[in-house]
C-alpha cells in the first residue's frame, strides 16, 4: 500500500494520479475508493473527505482528467473497471469499499459485478445505469456539452442552477464554490469527450440483479442530471440495496449536504448486517 499523499501509479497501460488520505488501519473496514464523475478531479472530493476524516479514502484522476494522461483511444466503462482492478493490484489492496459519483457510479456498478471479491460494499451517489435510465432534463443535458463551464468558474456558477439543481438554484455563494472546485483543473477536451462517450454507450441494467454486495443508493430529490426515479430503480433492482433520498438536494450532494451524506455513508460502511432489500 502506498503512503498517504499524492502519487502517480502505473495501472496496466495507464499512468494514474492517486491521492490517499488516512491510514488503511483507520476503522474496521477496508479503504473507501472514490470514483469521480464526468471529467472530475481529485480536488472535487475535498468537501466529502473533510467529513470522512476517520476513513481511509483513495481518490484518483481517471485517464484524461486532472494529472492522468489522456489515452490514445476511448476507454469503455468495462475498460475503466479493468484499469481500477489493476490499480488495486498495484496498491496491494485485496478488498475495498467503493463510492461512485455520477458517471463513477456506473463504473462502480460494473466493478462490483466484475470483481465481486474485491468489493465489500457499494455506495452509488447521484447516478443511474447509463442506457435504460430516465434521461437527464434536456437543459441539464445540454450543459454537459459546454467545455467553457469547465474552464470558467463564473460560467459554471451561472449554469449550476439548471445543470445541478438543489441548493445551487438559490444559493449563489454555493454555486460559486462549485465553480471554483470544478475548474481548479480543467479536463483535457479529448479526455472529457472520451468519458462522455463511455457513459452514453453502456448500460449496467442487465447486471443489477447480479450485484450481491450491500449497496447504498443516495440521490437528491431535485437532481436534473441523475433523476431520483433512477435511484429508486437501482435500489429496487439491486438485491441488497437501500435508498436514501436527500430532500431539496441536487446533483452535487457532497457539496450541498456534506454532513448528511457523510453521516449516511459512514453508518452504512460501519454496519455489520445487510441492508433491507428495496428502497426505504
Protein backbone atom coordinates (compact mmCIF):
# COMPACT_ATOMS: atom_id res chain seq x y z
CA UNK A 1 0.00 0.00 0.00
CA UNK A 2 1.44 3.39 -0.96
CA UNK A 3 1.77 6.09 1.68
CA UNK A 4 -0.56 8.98 2.36
CA UNK A 5 -0.37 11.78 -0.21
CA UNK A 6 -0.46 12.02 -3.99
CA UNK A 7 1.40 9.60 -6.26
CA UNK A 8 1.45 8.50 -9.88
CA UNK A 9 0.78 4.78 -10.21
CA UNK A 10 1.09 2.61 -13.30
CA UNK A 11 -2.17 0.69 -13.78
CA UNK A 12 -1.91 -1.52 -16.84
CA UNK A 13 -1.20 0.86 -19.75
CA UNK A 14 -2.16 3.99 -17.80
CA UNK A 15 -0.31 6.37 -15.51
CA UNK A 16 -2.90 7.31 -12.91
CA UNK A 17 -2.66 10.10 -10.37
CA UNK A 18 -3.75 8.76 -6.97
CA UNK A 19 -4.46 10.50 -3.68
CA UNK A 20 -4.52 8.62 -0.36
CA UNK A 21 -5.87 10.22 2.80
CA UNK A 22 -5.86 8.46 6.16
CA UNK A 23 -4.36 5.13 7.10
CA UNK A 24 -5.74 1.77 5.89
CA UNK A 25 -5.82 0.80 9.55
CA UNK A 26 -8.39 3.50 10.36
CA UNK A 27 -11.69 1.89 11.36
CA UNK A 28 -12.70 -1.73 10.96
CA UNK A 29 -13.41 -1.78 7.23
CA UNK A 30 -11.27 -1.59 4.10
CA UNK A 31 -10.30 1.69 2.41
CA UNK A 32 -13.00 3.58 0.53
CA UNK A 33 -12.26 4.04 -3.18
CA UNK A 34 -13.82 7.21 -4.64
CA UNK A 35 -14.71 7.08 -8.36
CA UNK A 36 -15.44 10.51 -9.76
CA UNK A 37 -17.94 11.75 -12.29
CA UNK A 38 -17.52 13.09 -15.80
CA UNK A 39 -14.22 14.98 -16.04
CA UNK A 40 -13.93 15.06 -12.25
CA UNK A 41 -10.59 15.51 -10.48
CA UNK A 42 -9.23 14.58 -7.07
CA UNK A 43 -9.77 18.04 -5.55
CA UNK A 44 -13.51 17.80 -6.06
CA UNK A 45 -13.69 15.22 -3.28
CA UNK A 46 -12.41 17.69 -0.66
CA UNK A 47 -15.84 18.56 0.87
CA UNK A 48 -16.71 14.89 1.40
CA UNK A 49 -13.25 13.81 2.55
CA UNK A 50 -13.22 16.52 5.21
CA UNK A 51 -16.32 14.90 6.70
CA UNK A 52 -14.94 11.34 6.41
CA UNK A 53 -11.69 12.12 8.16
CA UNK A 54 -11.84 8.86 10.13
CA UNK A 55 -11.98 6.76 6.96
CA UNK A 56 -9.07 5.90 4.69
CA UNK A 57 -10.09 7.24 1.27
CA UNK A 58 -8.41 6.72 -2.10
CA UNK A 59 -9.24 9.06 -4.98
CA UNK A 60 -7.77 9.17 -8.48
CA UNK A 61 -7.87 11.16 -11.68
CA UNK A 62 -9.34 8.92 -14.38
CA UNK A 63 -7.35 8.83 -17.65
CA UNK A 64 -8.00 12.12 -19.45
CA UNK A 65 -8.78 14.09 -16.28
CA UNK A 66 -6.51 16.05 -13.94
CA UNK A 67 -2.96 14.74 -13.88
CA UNK A 68 -3.72 11.42 -15.58
CA UNK A 69 -2.80 11.49 -19.30
CA UNK A 70 -5.50 11.02 -21.91
CA UNK A 71 -5.45 7.56 -23.53
CA UNK A 72 -4.94 7.18 -27.26
CA UNK A 73 -8.35 5.60 -27.74
CA UNK A 74 -11.55 5.95 -25.68
CA UNK A 75 -11.99 3.71 -22.63
CA UNK A 76 -15.27 1.92 -22.14
CA UNK A 77 -16.89 1.55 -18.73
CA UNK A 78 -15.60 -2.03 -18.75
CA UNK A 79 -12.11 -0.76 -19.56
CA UNK A 80 -12.16 1.73 -16.70
CA UNK A 81 -13.29 -1.01 -14.28
CA UNK A 82 -10.45 -3.21 -15.53
CA UNK A 83 -7.98 -0.36 -15.05
CA UNK A 84 -9.21 0.08 -11.47
CA UNK A 85 -8.59 -3.60 -10.64
CA UNK A 86 -5.02 -3.20 -11.89
CA UNK A 87 -4.70 -0.05 -9.81
CA UNK A 88 -5.84 -2.01 -6.74
CA UNK A 89 -3.23 -4.66 -7.54
CA UNK A 90 -0.51 -2.00 -7.62
CA UNK A 91 -1.76 -0.55 -4.34
CA UNK A 92 -1.82 -4.06 -2.84
CA UNK A 93 -5.46 -3.75 -1.81
CA UNK A 94 -7.24 -7.11 -1.78
CA UNK A 95 -10.55 -5.56 -0.69
CA UNK A 96 -12.19 -2.13 -0.82
CA UNK A 97 -15.45 -0.35 -0.32
CA UNK A 98 -16.36 1.77 -3.33
CA UNK A 99 -18.24 5.05 -3.72
CA UNK A 100 -19.13 6.06 -7.27
CA UNK A 101 -20.48 9.51 -8.10
CA UNK A 102 -22.44 10.23 -11.30
CA UNK A 103 -20.52 8.51 -14.15
CA UNK A 104 -18.37 6.97 -11.41
CA UNK A 105 -21.48 5.24 -10.10
CA UNK A 106 -21.89 3.41 -13.41
CA UNK A 107 -18.24 2.31 -13.16
CA UNK A 108 -18.80 1.25 -9.52
CA UNK A 109 -21.70 -0.98 -10.57
CA UNK A 110 -19.54 -2.57 -13.26
CA UNK A 111 -16.66 -3.06 -10.81
CA UNK A 112 -18.92 -4.66 -8.20
CA UNK A 113 -20.14 -7.16 -10.77
CA UNK A 114 -16.84 -8.00 -12.49
CA UNK A 115 -14.68 -8.02 -9.32
CA UNK A 116 -17.03 -9.19 -6.55
CA UNK A 117 -14.21 -10.47 -4.33
CA UNK A 118 -12.50 -7.07 -4.36
CA UNK A 119 -15.56 -5.00 -3.45
CA UNK A 120 -17.14 -5.36 0.01
CA UNK A 121 -19.76 -2.59 -0.08
CA UNK A 122 -21.02 -0.16 -2.72
CA UNK A 123 -22.25 3.43 -2.44
CA UNK A 124 -23.94 4.89 -5.54
CA UNK A 125 -24.21 8.66 -5.39
CA UNK A 126 -26.22 10.76 -7.88
CA UNK A 127 -26.06 8.16 -10.62
CA UNK A 128 -28.02 5.84 -12.90
CA UNK A 129 -27.44 2.83 -15.17
CA UNK A 130 -26.43 4.61 -18.38
CA UNK A 131 -28.68 3.34 -21.17
CA UNK A 132 -32.08 2.34 -19.84
CA UNK A 133 -32.26 5.22 -17.37
CA UNK A 134 -34.74 8.04 -17.47
CA UNK A 135 -32.77 10.75 -19.33
CA UNK A 136 -31.49 13.92 -17.75
CA UNK A 137 -33.52 17.09 -18.08
CA UNK A 138 -32.82 18.46 -21.60
CA UNK A 139 -31.42 21.77 -20.28
CA UNK A 140 -29.08 19.96 -17.88
CA UNK A 141 -28.02 17.52 -20.58
CA UNK A 142 -27.16 20.42 -22.90
CA UNK A 143 -24.96 21.88 -20.16
CA UNK A 144 -22.78 18.76 -20.12
CA UNK A 145 -21.52 19.65 -23.59
CA UNK A 146 -20.26 23.09 -22.53
CA UNK A 147 -16.48 22.99 -22.22
CA UNK A 148 -16.48 26.65 -21.18
CA UNK A 149 -18.10 25.76 -17.86
CA UNK A 150 -15.10 23.52 -17.07
CA UNK A 151 -12.65 26.40 -17.51
CA UNK A 152 -14.59 29.45 -16.37
CA UNK A 153 -15.83 29.34 -12.75
CA UNK A 154 -18.26 32.22 -13.29
CA UNK A 155 -19.79 30.49 -16.30
CA UNK A 156 -20.05 27.27 -14.29
CA UNK A 157 -21.78 29.11 -11.44
CA UNK A 158 -24.23 30.65 -13.93
CA UNK A 159 -25.12 27.22 -15.34
CA UNK A 160 -25.19 25.45 -11.95
CA UNK A 161 -28.84 26.15 -11.02
CA UNK A 162 -30.26 24.41 -14.10
CA UNK A 163 -27.41 21.91 -14.50
CA UNK A 164 -27.15 20.69 -10.91
CA UNK A 165 -30.38 21.77 -9.21
CA UNK A 166 -30.93 21.60 -5.47
CA UNK A 167 -29.44 24.30 -3.24
CA UNK A 168 -27.46 25.68 -6.17
CA UNK A 169 -30.72 27.01 -7.61
CA UNK A 170 -30.91 29.70 -4.93
CA UNK A 171 -27.52 29.79 -3.17
CA UNK A 172 -25.19 31.89 -5.33
CA UNK A 173 -22.24 31.51 -2.93
CA UNK A 174 -22.50 27.72 -3.08
CA UNK A 175 -22.73 27.84 -6.89
CA UNK A 176 -19.55 29.92 -6.99
CA UNK A 177 -17.79 27.44 -4.72
CA UNK A 178 -18.89 24.60 -7.01
CA UNK A 179 -17.45 26.53 -9.95
CA UNK A 180 -14.14 27.03 -8.17
CA UNK A 181 -13.86 23.33 -7.31
CA UNK A 182 -14.86 22.22 -10.79
CA UNK A 183 -12.46 24.48 -12.66
CA UNK A 184 -9.37 24.01 -10.47
CA UNK A 185 -8.01 21.55 -13.02
CA UNK A 186 -9.81 21.63 -16.35
CA UNK A 187 -10.03 18.26 -18.09
CA UNK A 188 -8.42 17.64 -21.44
CA UNK A 189 -11.09 18.20 -24.13
CA UNK A 190 -10.44 14.86 -25.81
CA UNK A 191 -10.35 13.06 -22.45
CA UNK A 192 -13.66 14.64 -21.44
CA UNK A 193 -15.31 13.65 -24.71
CA UNK A 194 -13.95 10.10 -24.32
CA UNK A 195 -15.61 9.86 -20.91
CA UNK A 196 -18.83 11.32 -22.27
CA UNK A 197 -18.77 8.66 -25.00
CA UNK A 198 -18.32 5.87 -22.45
CA UNK A 199 -21.36 6.86 -20.40
CA UNK A 200 -23.62 7.17 -23.44
CA UNK A 201 -22.74 3.77 -24.92
CA UNK A 202 -23.11 1.44 -21.92
CA UNK A 203 -25.80 0.11 -19.62
CA UNK A 204 -25.48 -1.73 -16.32
CA UNK A 205 -29.17 -2.62 -16.33
CA UNK A 206 -28.65 -6.32 -17.25
CA UNK A 207 -26.24 -6.89 -14.35
CA UNK A 208 -28.07 -5.18 -11.49
CA UNK A 209 -29.72 -8.39 -10.22
CA UNK A 210 -26.24 -9.97 -10.07
CA UNK A 211 -24.71 -7.34 -7.79
CA UNK A 212 -24.71 -9.09 -4.42
CA UNK A 213 -22.80 -6.61 -2.27
CA UNK A 214 -24.70 -4.48 0.25
CA UNK A 215 -25.41 -1.27 -1.65
CA UNK A 216 -26.43 2.22 -0.60
CA UNK A 217 -28.08 4.45 -3.22
CA UNK A 218 -28.04 8.17 -2.37
CA UNK A 219 -29.70 10.82 -4.53
CA UNK A 220 -31.07 14.32 -4.28
CA UNK A 221 -34.78 14.63 -4.95
CA UNK A 222 -34.10 17.72 -7.12
CA UNK A 223 -31.38 16.32 -9.38
CA UNK A 224 -31.89 17.26 -13.05
CA UNK A 225 -28.93 15.14 -14.23
CA UNK A 226 -29.45 11.89 -12.31
CA UNK A 227 -33.18 11.96 -11.75
CA UNK A 228 -34.38 10.39 -8.48
CA UNK A 229 -36.57 7.87 -10.31
CA UNK A 230 -33.34 6.22 -11.48
CA UNK A 231 -32.10 5.94 -7.90
CA UNK A 232 -35.36 4.25 -6.93
CA UNK A 233 -34.92 1.80 -9.81
CA UNK A 234 -31.35 0.98 -8.72
CA UNK A 235 -32.50 0.34 -5.14
CA UNK A 236 -35.29 -1.95 -6.39
CA UNK A 237 -33.18 -3.95 -8.85
CA UNK A 238 -30.03 -4.48 -6.78
CA UNK A 239 -30.93 -7.27 -4.31
CA UNK A 240 -29.22 -5.95 -1.14
CA UNK A 241 -29.79 -2.24 -1.65
CA UNK A 242 -31.26 0.62 0.33
CA UNK A 243 -32.19 4.10 -0.82
CA UNK A 244 -31.59 7.44 0.86
CA UNK A 245 -33.14 10.50 -0.78
CA UNK A 246 -31.78 13.88 0.30
CA UNK A 247 -34.65 16.34 0.40
CA UNK A 248 -34.14 19.54 -1.57
CA UNK A 249 -30.70 18.49 -2.83
CA UNK A 250 -29.46 18.30 -6.40
CA UNK A 251 -26.62 16.60 -8.22
CA UNK A 252 -23.69 17.91 -6.18
CA UNK A 253 -24.77 16.18 -2.98
CA UNK A 254 -21.49 16.13 -1.08
CA UNK A 255 -21.04 19.88 -1.61
CA UNK A 256 -24.64 20.76 -0.72
CA UNK A 257 -25.16 18.39 2.23
CA UNK A 258 -21.74 17.05 3.32
CA UNK A 259 -22.89 16.41 6.90
CA UNK A 260 -25.91 14.33 5.92
CA UNK A 261 -24.21 12.45 3.10
CA UNK A 262 -21.07 11.62 5.09
CA UNK A 263 -23.15 10.52 8.10
CA UNK A 264 -25.29 8.17 6.00
CA UNK A 265 -22.26 6.78 4.15
CA UNK A 266 -20.22 6.25 7.32
CA UNK A 267 -23.11 4.47 9.08
CA UNK A 268 -23.60 2.21 6.06
CA UNK A 269 -19.91 1.29 5.83
CA UNK A 270 -19.76 0.52 9.54
CA UNK A 271 -22.94 -1.58 9.56
CA UNK A 272 -22.38 -5.29 10.32
CA UNK A 273 -25.51 -6.63 8.67
CA UNK A 274 -27.12 -6.38 5.26
CA UNK A 275 -29.41 -3.50 4.38
CA UNK A 276 -33.03 -4.23 3.87
CA UNK A 277 -33.90 -5.09 0.27
CA UNK A 278 -35.51 -2.34 -1.78
CA UNK A 279 -35.93 1.39 -1.24
CA UNK A 280 -36.58 2.97 2.12
